[in-house]
Amino acid sequence: MNLEVRDTEVRGMLMRLARETGGASYFIERATQLERIYEQIEEELRSQYLIGYQSSQLGGEDFREVEVQLAMPGLRAKTIPGYYP
């Protein structure tokens, strides 16, 4: 899909979708920018961990927020904002 630079509404929706699902969005103007994007993706893939959690709270239909706290300064956790049970 080719998005015009001025199409900020569509870009905003794609960025929101990516953020809410734990992903990322990239918008480029030239193919020469792909190498930098590939390097970012590769770095992220090499530093991923999977953390599992099972809630002790049963039932309910309300949205449950997810918060990941890191003990080591300078690190960043990328996660979804929450989930519906």
N, C-alpha and C. Protein backbone atom coordinates (compact mmCIF):
# COMPACT_ATOMS: atom_id res chain seq x y z
N MET A 1 0.84 -1.16 0.00
CA MET A 1 0.00 0.00 0.00
C MET A 1 0.89 1.23 0.00
N ASN A 2 0.58 2.16 -0.83
CA ASN A 2 1.35 3.39 -0.92
C ASN A 2 0.58 4.50 -0.22
N LEU A 3 1.10 4.98 0.90
CA LEU A 3 0.46 6.06 1.64
C LEU A 3 1.18 7.36 1.35
N GLU A 4 0.43 8.35 1.03
CA GLU A 4 1.02 9.66 0.80
C GLU A 4 1.49 10.22 2.14
N VAL A 5 2.52 11.03 2.11
CA VAL A 5 3.07 11.63 3.32
C VAL A 5 1.99 12.41 4.06
N ARG A 6 1.09 13.03 3.34
CA ARG A 6 0.06 13.85 3.96
C ARG A 6 -1.11 13.03 4.53
N ASP A 7 -1.14 11.74 4.31
CA ASP A 7 -2.25 10.91 4.78
C ASP A 7 -2.02 10.52 6.24
N THR A 8 -2.05 11.50 7.12
CA THR A 8 -1.73 11.29 8.53
C THR A 8 -2.80 10.49 9.26
N GLU A 9 -4.05 10.57 8.82
CA GLU A 9 -5.11 9.83 9.49
C GLU A 9 -4.91 8.32 9.36
N VAL A 10 -4.60 7.86 8.15
CA VAL A 10 -4.36 6.43 7.93
C VAL A 10 -3.10 5.99 8.66
N ARG A 11 -2.06 6.78 8.58
CA ARG A 11 -0.82 6.44 9.30
C ARG A 11 -1.09 6.35 10.80
N GLY A 12 -1.87 7.28 11.32
CA GLY A 12 -2.20 7.25 12.75
C GLY A 12 -2.95 6.00 13.14
N MET A 13 -3.89 5.56 12.31
CA MET A 13 -4.64 4.34 12.59
C MET A 13 -3.71 3.12 12.56
N LEU A 14 -2.81 3.06 11.59
CA LEU A 14 -1.88 1.93 11.50
C LEU A 14 -0.92 1.92 12.69
N MET A 15 -0.46 3.10 13.10
CA MET A 15 0.43 3.18 14.26
C MET A 15 -0.29 2.75 15.53
N ARG A 16 -1.56 3.14 15.67
CA ARG A 16 -2.35 2.74 16.84
C ARG A 16 -2.56 1.23 16.86
N LEU A 17 -2.91 0.66 15.71
CA LEU A 17 -3.10 -0.79 15.62
C LEU A 17 -1.82 -1.52 16.01
N ALA A 18 -0.69 -1.06 15.49
CA ALA A 18 0.58 -1.70 15.81
C ALA A 18 0.88 -1.59 17.30
N ARG A 19 0.70 -0.40 17.87
CA ARG A 19 1.00 -0.18 19.29
C ARG A 19 0.12 -1.06 20.18
N GLU A 20 -1.17 -1.13 19.86
CA GLU A 20 -2.11 -1.89 20.69
C GLU A 20 -1.93 -3.39 20.58
N THR A 21 -1.25 -3.86 19.57
CA THR A 21 -1.02 -5.29 19.40
C THR A 21 0.43 -5.67 19.68
N GLY A 22 1.21 -4.72 20.18
CA GLY A 22 2.59 -4.99 20.53
C GLY A 22 3.53 -4.95 19.34
N GLY A 23 3.10 -4.39 18.26
CA GLY A 23 3.92 -4.34 17.05
C GLY A 23 4.52 -2.97 16.82
N ALA A 24 4.94 -2.74 15.60
CA ALA A 24 5.52 -1.46 15.20
C ALA A 24 5.08 -1.16 13.77
N SER A 25 5.13 0.11 13.43
CA SER A 25 4.81 0.50 12.06
C SER A 25 5.97 1.30 11.50
N TYR A 26 6.23 1.12 10.23
CA TYR A 26 7.33 1.80 9.57
C TYR A 26 6.80 2.43 8.28
N PHE A 27 7.15 3.66 8.06
CA PHE A 27 6.75 4.36 6.85
C PHE A 27 8.00 4.91 6.19
N ILE A 28 8.20 4.57 4.94
CA ILE A 28 9.39 5.01 4.23
C ILE A 28 8.98 5.72 2.94
N GLU A 29 9.90 6.51 2.44
CA GLU A 29 9.68 7.19 1.17
C GLU A 29 10.50 6.59 0.05
N ARG A 30 11.61 5.94 0.41
CA ARG A 30 12.51 5.36 -0.60
C ARG A 30 12.97 3.97 -0.15
N ALA A 31 13.21 3.13 -1.13
CA ALA A 31 13.68 1.77 -0.84
C ALA A 31 15.02 1.77 -0.12
N THR A 32 15.79 2.82 -0.27
CA THR A 32 17.09 2.89 0.40
C THR A 32 16.94 2.96 1.91
N GLN A 33 15.76 3.31 2.40
CA GLN A 33 15.51 3.38 3.84
C GLN A 33 15.24 2.00 4.45
N LEU A 34 15.02 1.01 3.61
CA LEU A 34 14.68 -0.33 4.10
C LEU A 34 15.80 -0.95 4.92
N GLU A 35 17.04 -0.72 4.55
CA GLU A 35 18.15 -1.34 5.27
C GLU A 35 18.13 -0.95 6.75
N ARG A 36 17.87 0.31 7.03
CA ARG A 36 17.81 0.78 8.42
C ARG A 36 16.64 0.10 9.15
N ILE A 37 15.51 -0.02 8.49
CA ILE A 37 14.34 -0.66 9.09
C ILE A 37 14.63 -2.13 9.37
N TYR A 38 15.25 -2.81 8.41
CA TYR A 38 15.60 -4.22 8.61
C TYR A 38 16.54 -4.39 9.79
N GLU A 39 17.49 -3.49 9.96
CA GLU A 39 18.42 -3.55 11.10
C GLU A 39 17.67 -3.39 12.42
N GLN A 40 16.70 -2.49 12.46
CA GLN A 40 15.91 -2.29 13.68
C GLN A 40 15.10 -3.54 14.01
N ILE A 41 14.50 -4.13 12.99
CA ILE A 41 13.70 -5.34 13.19
C ILE A 41 14.60 -6.49 13.65
N GLU A 42 15.75 -6.63 13.03
CA GLU A 42 16.69 -7.68 13.42
C GLU A 42 17.13 -7.52 14.87
N GLU A 43 17.44 -6.30 15.26
CA GLU A 43 17.86 -6.05 16.65
C GLU A 43 16.75 -6.41 17.63
N GLU A 44 15.52 -6.05 17.29
CA GLU A 44 14.41 -6.37 18.17
C GLU A 44 14.18 -7.89 18.26
N LEU A 45 14.25 -8.58 17.12
CA LEU A 45 14.05 -10.02 17.14
C LEU A 45 15.12 -10.75 17.95
N ARG A 46 16.32 -10.24 17.94
CA ARG A 46 17.41 -10.87 18.69
C ARG A 46 17.31 -10.62 20.20
N SER A 47 16.49 -9.67 20.61
CA SER A 47 16.42 -9.33 22.04
C SER A 47 15.05 -9.63 22.64
N GLN A 48 14.27 -10.49 22.00
CA GLN A 48 12.94 -10.79 22.50
C GLN A 48 12.95 -11.91 23.53
N TYR A 49 12.05 -11.77 24.48
CA TYR A 49 11.78 -12.81 25.47
C TYR A 49 10.27 -12.99 25.52
N LEU A 50 9.85 -14.16 25.89
CA LEU A 50 8.43 -14.44 26.05
C LEU A 50 8.17 -14.69 27.52
N ILE A 51 7.26 -13.91 28.09
CA ILE A 51 6.89 -14.06 29.49
C ILE A 51 5.42 -14.48 29.53
N GLY A 52 5.14 -15.54 30.24
CA GLY A 52 3.77 -16.02 30.38
C GLY A 52 3.23 -15.69 31.75
N TYR A 53 1.93 -15.49 31.82
CA TYR A 53 1.28 -15.16 33.08
C TYR A 53 -0.13 -15.73 33.06
N GLN A 54 -0.53 -16.33 34.16
CA GLN A 54 -1.90 -16.81 34.29
C GLN A 54 -2.51 -16.13 35.49
N SER A 55 -3.59 -15.41 35.27
CA SER A 55 -4.25 -14.65 36.33
C SER A 55 -4.92 -15.60 37.31
N SER A 56 -4.87 -15.22 38.59
CA SER A 56 -5.57 -15.99 39.61
C SER A 56 -7.02 -15.53 39.72
N GLN A 57 -7.35 -14.43 39.06
CA GLN A 57 -8.72 -13.91 39.07
C GLN A 57 -9.54 -14.63 38.00
N LEU A 58 -10.61 -15.26 38.42
CA LEU A 58 -11.45 -16.01 37.49
C LEU A 58 -12.58 -15.14 36.96
N GLY A 59 -13.01 -15.44 35.76
CA GLY A 59 -14.17 -14.79 35.18
C GLY A 59 -13.97 -13.32 34.89
N GLY A 60 -15.09 -12.67 34.68
CA GLY A 60 -15.07 -11.25 34.39
C GLY A 60 -14.95 -10.98 32.90
N GLU A 61 -15.39 -9.80 32.51
CA GLU A 61 -15.33 -9.42 31.11
C GLU A 61 -14.61 -8.09 30.93
N ASP A 62 -14.14 -7.50 32.00
CA ASP A 62 -13.50 -6.20 31.94
C ASP A 62 -12.08 -6.30 31.40
N PHE A 63 -11.65 -5.23 30.77
CA PHE A 63 -10.29 -5.13 30.24
C PHE A 63 -9.30 -5.17 31.40
N ARG A 64 -8.26 -5.95 31.26
CA ARG A 64 -7.22 -6.06 32.29
C ARG A 64 -5.92 -5.48 31.75
N GLU A 65 -5.42 -4.48 32.46
CA GLU A 65 -4.18 -3.84 32.03
C GLU A 65 -2.98 -4.72 32.33
N VAL A 66 -1.97 -4.61 31.48
CA VAL A 66 -0.72 -5.34 31.66
C VAL A 66 0.37 -4.32 31.97
N GLU A 67 1.11 -4.55 33.03
CA GLU A 67 2.22 -3.67 33.38
C GLU A 67 3.46 -4.54 33.66
N VAL A 68 4.53 -4.26 32.95
CA VAL A 68 5.78 -4.98 33.15
C VAL A 68 6.79 -3.99 33.72
N GLN A 69 7.33 -4.31 34.89
CA GLN A 69 8.33 -3.46 35.51
C GLN A 69 9.68 -4.15 35.44
N LEU A 70 10.70 -3.39 35.09
CA LEU A 70 12.05 -3.94 34.96
C LEU A 70 12.93 -3.42 36.09
N ALA A 71 13.73 -4.30 36.65
CA ALA A 71 14.60 -3.92 37.76
C ALA A 71 15.87 -3.24 37.29
N MET A 72 16.26 -3.46 36.05
CA MET A 72 17.51 -2.90 35.55
C MET A 72 17.24 -1.62 34.78
N PRO A 73 17.86 -0.51 35.20
CA PRO A 73 17.66 0.76 34.49
C PRO A 73 18.16 0.69 33.04
N GLY A 74 17.47 1.42 32.17
CA GLY A 74 17.88 1.48 30.77
C GLY A 74 17.23 0.44 29.89
N LEU A 75 16.58 -0.54 30.48
CA LEU A 75 15.89 -1.55 29.68
C LEU A 75 14.45 -1.12 29.45
N ARG A 76 13.85 -1.63 28.39
CA ARG A 76 12.49 -1.26 28.03
C ARG A 76 11.73 -2.53 27.67
N ALA A 77 10.54 -2.65 28.22
CA ALA A 77 9.67 -3.78 27.88
C ALA A 77 8.63 -3.32 26.88
N LYS A 78 8.47 -4.09 25.84
CA LYS A 78 7.46 -3.79 24.82
C LYS A 78 6.37 -4.84 24.96
N THR A 79 5.17 -4.41 25.26
CA THR A 79 4.09 -5.34 25.50
C THR A 79 2.77 -4.73 25.06
N ILE A 80 1.74 -5.54 25.09
CA ILE A 80 0.41 -5.04 24.80
C ILE A 80 -0.08 -4.28 26.04
N PRO A 81 -1.02 -3.34 25.87
CA PRO A 81 -1.49 -2.57 27.02
C PRO A 81 -2.39 -3.39 27.96
N GLY A 82 -2.95 -4.48 27.45
CA GLY A 82 -3.83 -5.29 28.27
C GLY A 82 -4.58 -6.30 27.44
N TYR A 83 -5.60 -6.91 28.06
CA TYR A 83 -6.36 -7.95 27.35
C TYR A 83 -7.74 -8.09 27.96
N TYR A 84 -8.62 -8.73 27.24
CA TYR A 84 -9.93 -9.12 27.75
C TYR A 84 -9.90 -10.62 28.02
N PRO A 85 -10.35 -11.04 29.20
CA PRO A 85 -10.30 -12.48 29.52
C PRO A 85 -11.24 -13.29 28.66
